[in-house]
Amino acid sequence: MKKILASFVVITFLFLGLQVITVHAQFLFGQGKLDSMIRDMQNIFEEREAVITDISWDQQEDRRLTIQDYLTELFKKSSVATSSNLKQYKELYLVEMQELQEKISLHKPFEDFSRDKRNELKSEIETDIVDYLRELLGDDEESNNFNIYE
């Protein structure tokens, strides 16, 4: 930025110098030489302006490339971190699912056992009720082979 500002100051001084030269040259050299000197000075200014513009564009391009590299590196780091976080989450999820399945499978034998015991108790209760009802109704029906399930 200082280079650009310094070049504009130099250009301003050159322009003022050109004005002074122009006024004196009209008296000393005549119109033809004066026009030639003016064109030469304009060419010098245009060349200087082109150089300054090129430097400015080069600096902007360097900054753009630096920012692009920084953003690319930042993207890579965040991508790796996100991927790592997802992998850890997946592993934790799978471990928790495995533990849950193990807990469920531990309850399965108990459920089977309790179902079998319920059925056994139900059968015993039904047998006891049938026997009790036979006793209440008397031995007549026992001779008739009375069965509640028939």
N, C-alpha and C. Protein backbone atom coordinates (compact mmCIF):
# COMPACT_ATOMS: atom_id res chain seq x y z
N MET A 1 0.84 -1.18 0.00
CA MET A 1 0.00 0.00 0.00
C MET A 1 0.88 1.25 0.00
N LYS A 2 2.01 1.20 0.74
CA LYS A 2 2.92 2.35 0.78
C LYS A 2 3.55 2.58 -0.59
N LYS A 3 3.80 1.49 -1.29
CA LYS A 3 4.40 1.62 -2.62
C LYS A 3 3.43 2.32 -3.57
N ILE A 4 2.19 1.98 -3.47
CA ILE A 4 1.18 2.60 -4.34
C ILE A 4 1.06 4.09 -4.02
N LEU A 5 0.99 4.40 -2.75
CA LEU A 5 0.88 5.80 -2.32
C LEU A 5 2.12 6.58 -2.75
N ALA A 6 3.29 5.98 -2.58
CA ALA A 6 4.53 6.66 -2.98
C ALA A 6 4.56 6.88 -4.49
N SER A 7 4.07 5.90 -5.24
CA SER A 7 4.08 6.07 -6.70
C SER A 7 3.11 7.17 -7.12
N PHE A 8 1.98 7.30 -6.44
CA PHE A 8 1.06 8.39 -6.78
C PHE A 8 1.67 9.75 -6.45
N VAL A 9 2.41 9.84 -5.37
CA VAL A 9 3.10 11.09 -5.02
C VAL A 9 4.14 11.42 -6.08
N VAL A 10 4.89 10.41 -6.51
CA VAL A 10 5.90 10.62 -7.55
C VAL A 10 5.22 11.07 -8.84
N ILE A 11 4.11 10.44 -9.18
CA ILE A 11 3.39 10.81 -10.41
C ILE A 11 2.90 12.25 -10.31
N THR A 12 2.42 12.64 -9.15
CA THR A 12 1.94 14.02 -8.97
C THR A 12 3.09 15.02 -9.16
N PHE A 13 4.24 14.71 -8.55
CA PHE A 13 5.38 15.60 -8.74
C PHE A 13 5.84 15.64 -10.19
N LEU A 14 5.79 14.49 -10.84
CA LEU A 14 6.16 14.47 -12.26
C LEU A 14 5.18 15.29 -13.10
N PHE A 15 3.92 15.21 -12.75
CA PHE A 15 2.91 15.98 -13.46
C PHE A 15 3.14 17.49 -13.26
N LEU A 16 3.45 17.87 -12.03
CA LEU A 16 3.75 19.29 -11.78
C LEU A 16 5.01 19.71 -12.53
N GLY A 17 6.00 18.83 -12.53
CA GLY A 17 7.23 19.12 -13.28
C GLY A 17 6.94 19.26 -14.76
N LEU A 18 6.04 18.43 -15.27
CA LEU A 18 5.65 18.50 -16.68
C LEU A 18 5.01 19.84 -16.99
N GLN A 19 4.20 20.31 -16.08
CA GLN A 19 3.55 21.62 -16.29
C GLN A 19 4.60 22.73 -16.37
N VAL A 20 5.57 22.66 -15.47
CA VAL A 20 6.63 23.69 -15.48
C VAL A 20 7.43 23.57 -16.76
N ILE A 21 7.77 22.33 -17.13
CA ILE A 21 8.54 22.13 -18.37
C ILE A 21 7.75 22.60 -19.57
N THR A 22 6.45 22.34 -19.57
CA THR A 22 5.60 22.73 -20.70
C THR A 22 5.62 24.25 -20.87
N VAL A 23 5.48 24.95 -19.78
CA VAL A 23 5.45 26.41 -19.88
C VAL A 23 6.80 26.94 -20.39
N HIS A 24 7.89 26.41 -19.87
CA HIS A 24 9.21 26.87 -20.30
C HIS A 24 9.55 26.38 -21.70
N ALA A 25 9.10 25.17 -22.03
CA ALA A 25 9.44 24.61 -23.33
C ALA A 25 8.75 25.36 -24.46
N GLN A 26 7.59 25.92 -24.21
CA GLN A 26 6.91 26.68 -25.26
C GLN A 26 7.76 27.88 -25.69
N PHE A 27 8.44 28.43 -24.75
CA PHE A 27 9.27 29.57 -25.08
C PHE A 27 10.60 29.16 -25.70
N LEU A 28 11.13 28.00 -25.32
CA LEU A 28 12.46 27.61 -25.75
C LEU A 28 12.48 26.74 -27.01
N PHE A 29 11.58 25.77 -27.13
CA PHE A 29 11.70 24.78 -28.19
C PHE A 29 10.69 24.91 -29.31
N GLY A 30 9.62 25.52 -29.10
CA GLY A 30 8.60 25.60 -30.12
C GLY A 30 7.55 24.51 -29.92
N GLN A 31 6.50 24.56 -30.71
CA GLN A 31 5.34 23.69 -30.53
C GLN A 31 5.62 22.23 -30.89
N GLY A 32 6.39 21.92 -31.89
CA GLY A 32 6.66 20.55 -32.33
C GLY A 32 7.41 19.75 -31.29
N LYS A 33 8.46 20.32 -30.79
CA LYS A 33 9.23 19.63 -29.76
C LYS A 33 8.42 19.51 -28.48
N LEU A 34 7.62 20.50 -28.20
CA LEU A 34 6.79 20.49 -26.99
C LEU A 34 5.79 19.33 -27.05
N ASP A 35 5.13 19.15 -28.20
CA ASP A 35 4.18 18.04 -28.35
C ASP A 35 4.90 16.69 -28.19
N SER A 36 6.08 16.57 -28.73
CA SER A 36 6.86 15.35 -28.61
C SER A 36 7.21 15.08 -27.15
N MET A 37 7.61 16.08 -26.44
CA MET A 37 7.95 15.91 -25.02
C MET A 37 6.70 15.54 -24.19
N ILE A 38 5.57 16.15 -24.54
CA ILE A 38 4.32 15.84 -23.83
C ILE A 38 3.95 14.37 -24.07
N ARG A 39 4.06 13.90 -25.30
CA ARG A 39 3.74 12.50 -25.60
C ARG A 39 4.69 11.57 -24.85
N ASP A 40 5.98 11.91 -24.81
CA ASP A 40 6.95 11.08 -24.07
C ASP A 40 6.60 11.01 -22.58
N MET A 41 6.23 12.16 -22.02
CA MET A 41 5.86 12.19 -20.60
C MET A 41 4.58 11.38 -20.36
N GLN A 42 3.62 11.47 -21.26
CA GLN A 42 2.39 10.69 -21.12
C GLN A 42 2.69 9.19 -21.19
N ASN A 43 3.58 8.82 -22.09
CA ASN A 43 3.98 7.41 -22.19
C ASN A 43 4.64 6.93 -20.89
N ILE A 44 5.50 7.76 -20.33
CA ILE A 44 6.15 7.41 -19.07
C ILE A 44 5.11 7.21 -17.97
N PHE A 45 4.15 8.15 -17.88
CA PHE A 45 3.09 8.03 -16.86
C PHE A 45 2.24 6.78 -17.07
N GLU A 46 1.91 6.51 -18.33
CA GLU A 46 1.09 5.33 -18.62
C GLU A 46 1.83 4.04 -18.27
N GLU A 47 3.13 4.00 -18.61
CA GLU A 47 3.93 2.82 -18.26
C GLU A 47 4.01 2.64 -16.74
N ARG A 48 4.21 3.75 -16.06
CA ARG A 48 4.30 3.69 -14.59
C ARG A 48 2.96 3.22 -13.99
N GLU A 49 1.86 3.72 -14.53
CA GLU A 49 0.54 3.31 -14.05
C GLU A 49 0.29 1.82 -14.33
N ALA A 50 0.74 1.34 -15.48
CA ALA A 50 0.58 -0.08 -15.81
C ALA A 50 1.39 -0.95 -14.85
N VAL A 51 2.60 -0.51 -14.52
CA VAL A 51 3.44 -1.26 -13.58
C VAL A 51 2.78 -1.30 -12.20
N ILE A 52 2.27 -0.14 -11.76
CA ILE A 52 1.60 -0.08 -10.45
C ILE A 52 0.37 -0.99 -10.44
N THR A 53 -0.41 -0.96 -11.51
CA THR A 53 -1.61 -1.81 -11.60
C THR A 53 -1.23 -3.29 -11.57
N ASP A 54 -0.16 -3.65 -12.31
CA ASP A 54 0.30 -5.04 -12.32
C ASP A 54 0.74 -5.50 -10.93
N ILE A 55 1.46 -4.64 -10.22
CA ILE A 55 1.91 -4.97 -8.86
C ILE A 55 0.70 -5.16 -7.95
N SER A 56 -0.28 -4.27 -8.08
CA SER A 56 -1.48 -4.36 -7.26
C SER A 56 -2.23 -5.67 -7.53
N TRP A 57 -2.37 -6.03 -8.82
CA TRP A 57 -3.06 -7.28 -9.17
C TRP A 57 -2.29 -8.49 -8.65
N ASP A 58 -0.96 -8.44 -8.76
CA ASP A 58 -0.14 -9.55 -8.26
C ASP A 58 -0.30 -9.71 -6.75
N GLN A 59 -0.32 -8.60 -6.02
CA GLN A 59 -0.50 -8.67 -4.57
C GLN A 59 -1.88 -9.24 -4.22
N GLN A 60 -2.89 -8.80 -4.95
CA GLN A 60 -4.24 -9.32 -4.69
C GLN A 60 -4.31 -10.82 -4.99
N GLU A 61 -3.67 -11.24 -6.06
CA GLU A 61 -3.66 -12.67 -6.41
C GLU A 61 -2.92 -13.48 -5.34
N ASP A 62 -1.80 -12.94 -4.84
CA ASP A 62 -1.08 -13.63 -3.77
C ASP A 62 -1.95 -13.76 -2.52
N ARG A 63 -2.64 -12.70 -2.16
CA ARG A 63 -3.54 -12.74 -1.00
C ARG A 63 -4.67 -13.75 -1.22
N ARG A 64 -5.24 -13.76 -2.42
CA ARG A 64 -6.32 -14.69 -2.72
C ARG A 64 -5.83 -16.14 -2.59
N LEU A 65 -4.64 -16.42 -3.12
CA LEU A 65 -4.09 -17.77 -3.03
C LEU A 65 -3.79 -18.16 -1.58
N THR A 66 -3.30 -17.21 -0.79
CA THR A 66 -3.02 -17.48 0.62
C THR A 66 -4.31 -17.81 1.36
N ILE A 67 -5.34 -17.01 1.12
CA ILE A 67 -6.64 -17.25 1.76
C ILE A 67 -7.22 -18.58 1.30
N GLN A 68 -7.10 -18.86 0.02
CA GLN A 68 -7.62 -20.13 -0.51
C GLN A 68 -6.90 -21.32 0.14
N ASP A 69 -5.58 -21.23 0.28
CA ASP A 69 -4.82 -22.30 0.93
C ASP A 69 -5.25 -22.47 2.38
N TYR A 70 -5.43 -21.35 3.08
CA TYR A 70 -5.86 -21.40 4.48
C TYR A 70 -7.24 -22.06 4.60
N LEU A 71 -8.16 -21.66 3.74
CA LEU A 71 -9.51 -22.23 3.79
C LEU A 71 -9.50 -23.72 3.43
N THR A 72 -8.67 -24.10 2.48
CA THR A 72 -8.56 -25.51 2.11
C THR A 72 -8.04 -26.33 3.29
N GLU A 73 -7.02 -25.81 3.95
CA GLU A 73 -6.46 -26.51 5.11
C GLU A 73 -7.49 -26.58 6.25
N LEU A 74 -8.20 -25.50 6.46
CA LEU A 74 -9.25 -25.48 7.49
C LEU A 74 -10.34 -26.49 7.17
N PHE A 75 -10.74 -26.57 5.91
CA PHE A 75 -11.75 -27.55 5.49
C PHE A 75 -11.25 -28.97 5.74
N LYS A 76 -10.00 -29.23 5.41
CA LYS A 76 -9.45 -30.57 5.61
C LYS A 76 -9.46 -30.93 7.10
N LYS A 77 -9.02 -29.99 7.93
CA LYS A 77 -8.98 -30.26 9.37
C LYS A 77 -10.38 -30.51 9.92
N SER A 78 -11.33 -29.66 9.54
CA SER A 78 -12.69 -29.84 10.05
C SER A 78 -13.31 -31.12 9.50
N SER A 79 -12.98 -31.46 8.27
CA SER A 79 -13.50 -32.69 7.68
C SER A 79 -12.96 -33.91 8.42
N VAL A 80 -11.68 -33.91 8.73
CA VAL A 80 -11.07 -35.02 9.47
C VAL A 80 -11.68 -35.11 10.87
N ALA A 81 -11.85 -33.94 11.52
CA ALA A 81 -12.43 -33.94 12.87
C ALA A 81 -13.86 -34.46 12.85
N THR A 82 -14.64 -34.02 11.88
CA THR A 82 -16.03 -34.48 11.77
C THR A 82 -16.08 -35.97 11.49
N SER A 83 -15.23 -36.43 10.61
CA SER A 83 -15.18 -37.86 10.30
C SER A 83 -14.81 -38.67 11.54
N SER A 84 -13.85 -38.18 12.29
CA SER A 84 -13.44 -38.87 13.52
C SER A 84 -14.58 -38.89 14.54
N ASN A 85 -15.27 -37.76 14.69
CA ASN A 85 -16.41 -37.69 15.61
C ASN A 85 -17.51 -38.66 15.21
N LEU A 86 -17.79 -38.74 13.93
CA LEU A 86 -18.82 -39.67 13.45
C LEU A 86 -18.42 -41.12 13.69
N LYS A 87 -17.15 -41.42 13.48
CA LYS A 87 -16.67 -42.77 13.70
C LYS A 87 -16.79 -43.15 15.18
N GLN A 88 -16.41 -42.22 16.07
CA GLN A 88 -16.53 -42.48 17.51
C GLN A 88 -17.99 -42.66 17.91
N TYR A 89 -18.85 -41.81 17.37
CA TYR A 89 -20.27 -41.92 17.68
C TYR A 89 -20.82 -43.27 17.22
N LYS A 90 -20.42 -43.69 16.04
CA LYS A 90 -20.90 -44.98 15.51
C LYS A 90 -20.43 -46.13 16.40
N GLU A 91 -19.16 -46.09 16.79
CA GLU A 91 -18.64 -47.15 17.65
C GLU A 91 -19.36 -47.17 19.00
N LEU A 92 -19.59 -46.02 19.58
CA LEU A 92 -20.30 -45.93 20.85
C LEU A 92 -21.73 -46.44 20.70
N TYR A 93 -22.36 -46.08 19.62
CA TYR A 93 -23.73 -46.53 19.35
C TYR A 93 -23.78 -48.05 19.23
N LEU A 94 -22.84 -48.64 18.49
CA LEU A 94 -22.80 -50.08 18.32
C LEU A 94 -22.54 -50.80 19.64
N VAL A 95 -21.68 -50.24 20.47
CA VAL A 95 -21.41 -50.84 21.78
C VAL A 95 -22.67 -50.80 22.64
N GLU A 96 -23.36 -49.67 22.64
CA GLU A 96 -24.59 -49.56 23.42
C GLU A 96 -25.67 -50.51 22.90
N MET A 97 -25.76 -50.66 21.59
CA MET A 97 -26.72 -51.60 21.02
C MET A 97 -26.38 -53.04 21.43
N GLN A 98 -25.11 -53.38 21.42
CA GLN A 98 -24.68 -54.72 21.82
C GLN A 98 -25.03 -54.98 23.28
N GLU A 99 -24.80 -53.98 24.15
CA GLU A 99 -25.13 -54.13 25.57
C GLU A 99 -26.63 -54.30 25.75
N LEU A 100 -27.40 -53.55 25.00
CA LEU A 100 -28.86 -53.66 25.08
C LEU A 100 -29.32 -55.05 24.63
N GLN A 101 -28.75 -55.56 23.56
CA GLN A 101 -29.11 -56.89 23.09
C GLN A 101 -28.74 -57.96 24.12
N GLU A 102 -27.60 -57.78 24.78
CA GLU A 102 -27.20 -58.72 25.81
C GLU A 102 -28.18 -58.69 26.99
N LYS A 103 -28.61 -57.50 27.38
CA LYS A 103 -29.59 -57.40 28.46
C LYS A 103 -30.90 -58.07 28.07
N ILE A 104 -31.31 -57.86 26.85
CA ILE A 104 -32.55 -58.48 26.38
C ILE A 104 -32.40 -60.00 26.35
N SER A 105 -31.26 -60.48 25.88
CA SER A 105 -31.06 -61.92 25.82
C SER A 105 -30.95 -62.53 27.22
N LEU A 106 -30.50 -61.76 28.20
CA LEU A 106 -30.46 -62.26 29.57
C LEU A 106 -31.88 -62.41 30.14
N HIS A 107 -32.79 -61.57 29.72
CA HIS A 107 -34.17 -61.65 30.19
C HIS A 107 -34.94 -62.78 29.50
N LYS A 108 -34.50 -63.22 28.36
CA LYS A 108 -35.20 -64.25 27.59
C LYS A 108 -35.33 -65.56 28.37
N PRO A 109 -34.26 -66.12 28.94
CA PRO A 109 -34.41 -67.37 29.71
C PRO A 109 -35.36 -67.19 30.91
N PHE A 110 -35.27 -66.05 31.55
CA PHE A 110 -36.16 -65.79 32.69
C PHE A 110 -37.61 -65.75 32.22
N GLU A 111 -37.87 -65.13 31.08
CA GLU A 111 -39.23 -65.08 30.56
C GLU A 111 -39.73 -66.48 30.20
N ASP A 112 -38.86 -67.29 29.61
CA ASP A 112 -39.24 -68.67 29.28
C ASP A 112 -39.54 -69.46 30.56
N PHE A 113 -38.69 -69.31 31.56
CA PHE A 113 -38.88 -70.00 32.82
C PHE A 113 -40.19 -69.57 33.47
N SER A 114 -40.46 -68.24 33.51
CA SER A 114 -41.70 -67.78 34.14
C SER A 114 -42.92 -68.23 33.37
N ARG A 115 -42.87 -68.28 32.06
CA ARG A 115 -44.00 -68.76 31.27
C ARG A 115 -44.26 -70.25 31.56
N ASP A 116 -43.18 -71.03 31.61
CA ASP A 116 -43.32 -72.46 31.92
C ASP A 116 -43.91 -72.67 33.32
N LYS A 117 -43.43 -71.90 34.28
CA LYS A 117 -43.94 -72.02 35.64
C LYS A 117 -45.41 -71.61 35.72
N ARG A 118 -45.79 -70.57 35.01
CA ARG A 118 -47.20 -70.13 34.99
C ARG A 118 -48.07 -71.25 34.43
N ASN A 119 -47.62 -71.81 33.33
CA ASN A 119 -48.39 -72.91 32.72
C ASN A 119 -48.49 -74.11 33.66
N GLU A 120 -47.40 -74.41 34.32
CA GLU A 120 -47.40 -75.53 35.26
C GLU A 120 -48.35 -75.27 36.43
N LEU A 121 -48.27 -74.04 36.99
CA LEU A 121 -49.18 -73.68 38.10
C LEU A 121 -50.63 -73.69 37.65
N LYS A 122 -50.87 -73.18 36.46
CA LYS A 122 -52.24 -73.17 35.92
C LYS A 122 -52.77 -74.59 35.79
N SER A 123 -51.92 -75.48 35.28
CA SER A 123 -52.32 -76.88 35.11
C SER A 123 -52.59 -77.53 36.47
N GLU A 124 -51.75 -77.28 37.46
CA GLU A 124 -51.94 -77.83 38.79
C GLU A 124 -53.24 -77.32 39.42
N ILE A 125 -53.48 -76.01 39.26
CA ILE A 125 -54.70 -75.41 39.82
C ILE A 125 -55.93 -76.03 39.16
N GLU A 126 -55.89 -76.19 37.86
CA GLU A 126 -57.03 -76.79 37.15
C GLU A 126 -57.26 -78.23 37.61
N THR A 127 -56.18 -78.98 37.79
CA THR A 127 -56.29 -80.37 38.25
C THR A 127 -56.88 -80.40 39.67
N ASP A 128 -56.39 -79.50 40.52
CA ASP A 128 -56.91 -79.43 41.89
C ASP A 128 -58.38 -79.06 41.90
N ILE A 129 -58.80 -78.14 41.06
CA ILE A 129 -60.21 -77.73 41.00
C ILE A 129 -61.07 -78.89 40.53
N VAL A 130 -60.61 -79.61 39.52
CA VAL A 130 -61.37 -80.76 39.01
C VAL A 130 -61.51 -81.80 40.11
N ASP A 131 -60.43 -82.07 40.81
CA ASP A 131 -60.48 -83.04 41.91
C ASP A 131 -61.43 -82.59 43.01
N TYR A 132 -61.39 -81.35 43.34
CA TYR A 132 -62.25 -80.81 44.40
C TYR A 132 -63.72 -80.90 43.99
N LEU A 133 -64.01 -80.52 42.74
CA LEU A 133 -65.40 -80.59 42.25
C LEU A 133 -65.88 -82.03 42.23
N ARG A 134 -65.06 -83.00 41.94
CA ARG A 134 -65.44 -84.41 41.95
C ARG A 134 -65.80 -84.84 43.37
N GLU A 135 -65.00 -84.36 44.30
CA GLU A 135 -65.29 -84.71 45.68
C GLU A 135 -66.64 -84.12 46.12
N LEU A 136 -66.92 -82.89 45.69
CA LEU A 136 -68.17 -82.25 46.07
C LEU A 136 -69.38 -82.92 45.42
N LEU A 137 -69.24 -83.30 44.22
CA LEU A 137 -70.36 -83.89 43.50
C LEU A 137 -70.58 -85.34 43.91
N GLY A 138 -69.64 -85.89 44.44
CA GLY A 138 -69.83 -87.25 44.96
C GLY A 138 -69.17 -88.28 44.09
N ASP A 139 -69.27 -89.51 44.62
CA ASP A 139 -68.61 -90.62 43.97
C ASP A 139 -69.39 -91.11 42.77
N ASP A 140 -70.69 -90.72 42.63
CA ASP A 140 -71.50 -91.18 41.49
C ASP A 140 -70.85 -90.78 40.19
N GLU A 141 -70.55 -89.60 40.16
CA GLU A 141 -70.02 -89.11 38.90
C GLU A 141 -68.62 -89.60 38.66
N GLU A 142 -67.96 -90.00 39.72
CA GLU A 142 -66.63 -90.53 39.54
C GLU A 142 -66.74 -91.88 38.84
N SER A 143 -67.83 -92.55 39.12
CA SER A 143 -68.04 -93.83 38.44
C SER A 143 -68.40 -93.61 36.99
N ASN A 144 -68.97 -92.51 36.66
CA ASN A 144 -69.32 -92.18 35.28
C ASN A 144 -68.13 -91.64 34.51
N ASN A 145 -66.98 -91.58 35.17
CA ASN A 145 -65.76 -91.02 34.57
C ASN A 145 -65.99 -89.59 34.10
N PHE A 146 -66.52 -88.80 34.97
CA PHE A 146 -66.79 -87.38 34.68
C PHE A 146 -65.46 -86.67 34.47
N ASN A 147 -65.39 -85.99 33.37
CA ASN A 147 -64.18 -85.22 33.08
C ASN A 147 -64.60 -83.84 32.60
N ILE A 148 -64.04 -82.83 33.15
CA ILE A 148 -64.42 -81.44 32.83
C ILE A 148 -64.00 -81.08 31.41
N TYR A 149 -63.02 -81.74 30.89
CA TYR A 149 -62.50 -81.39 29.57
C TYR A 149 -63.22 -82.09 28.43
N GLU A 150 -64.14 -82.98 28.73
CA GLU A 150 -64.82 -83.71 27.66
C GLU A 150 -65.90 -82.91 27.04
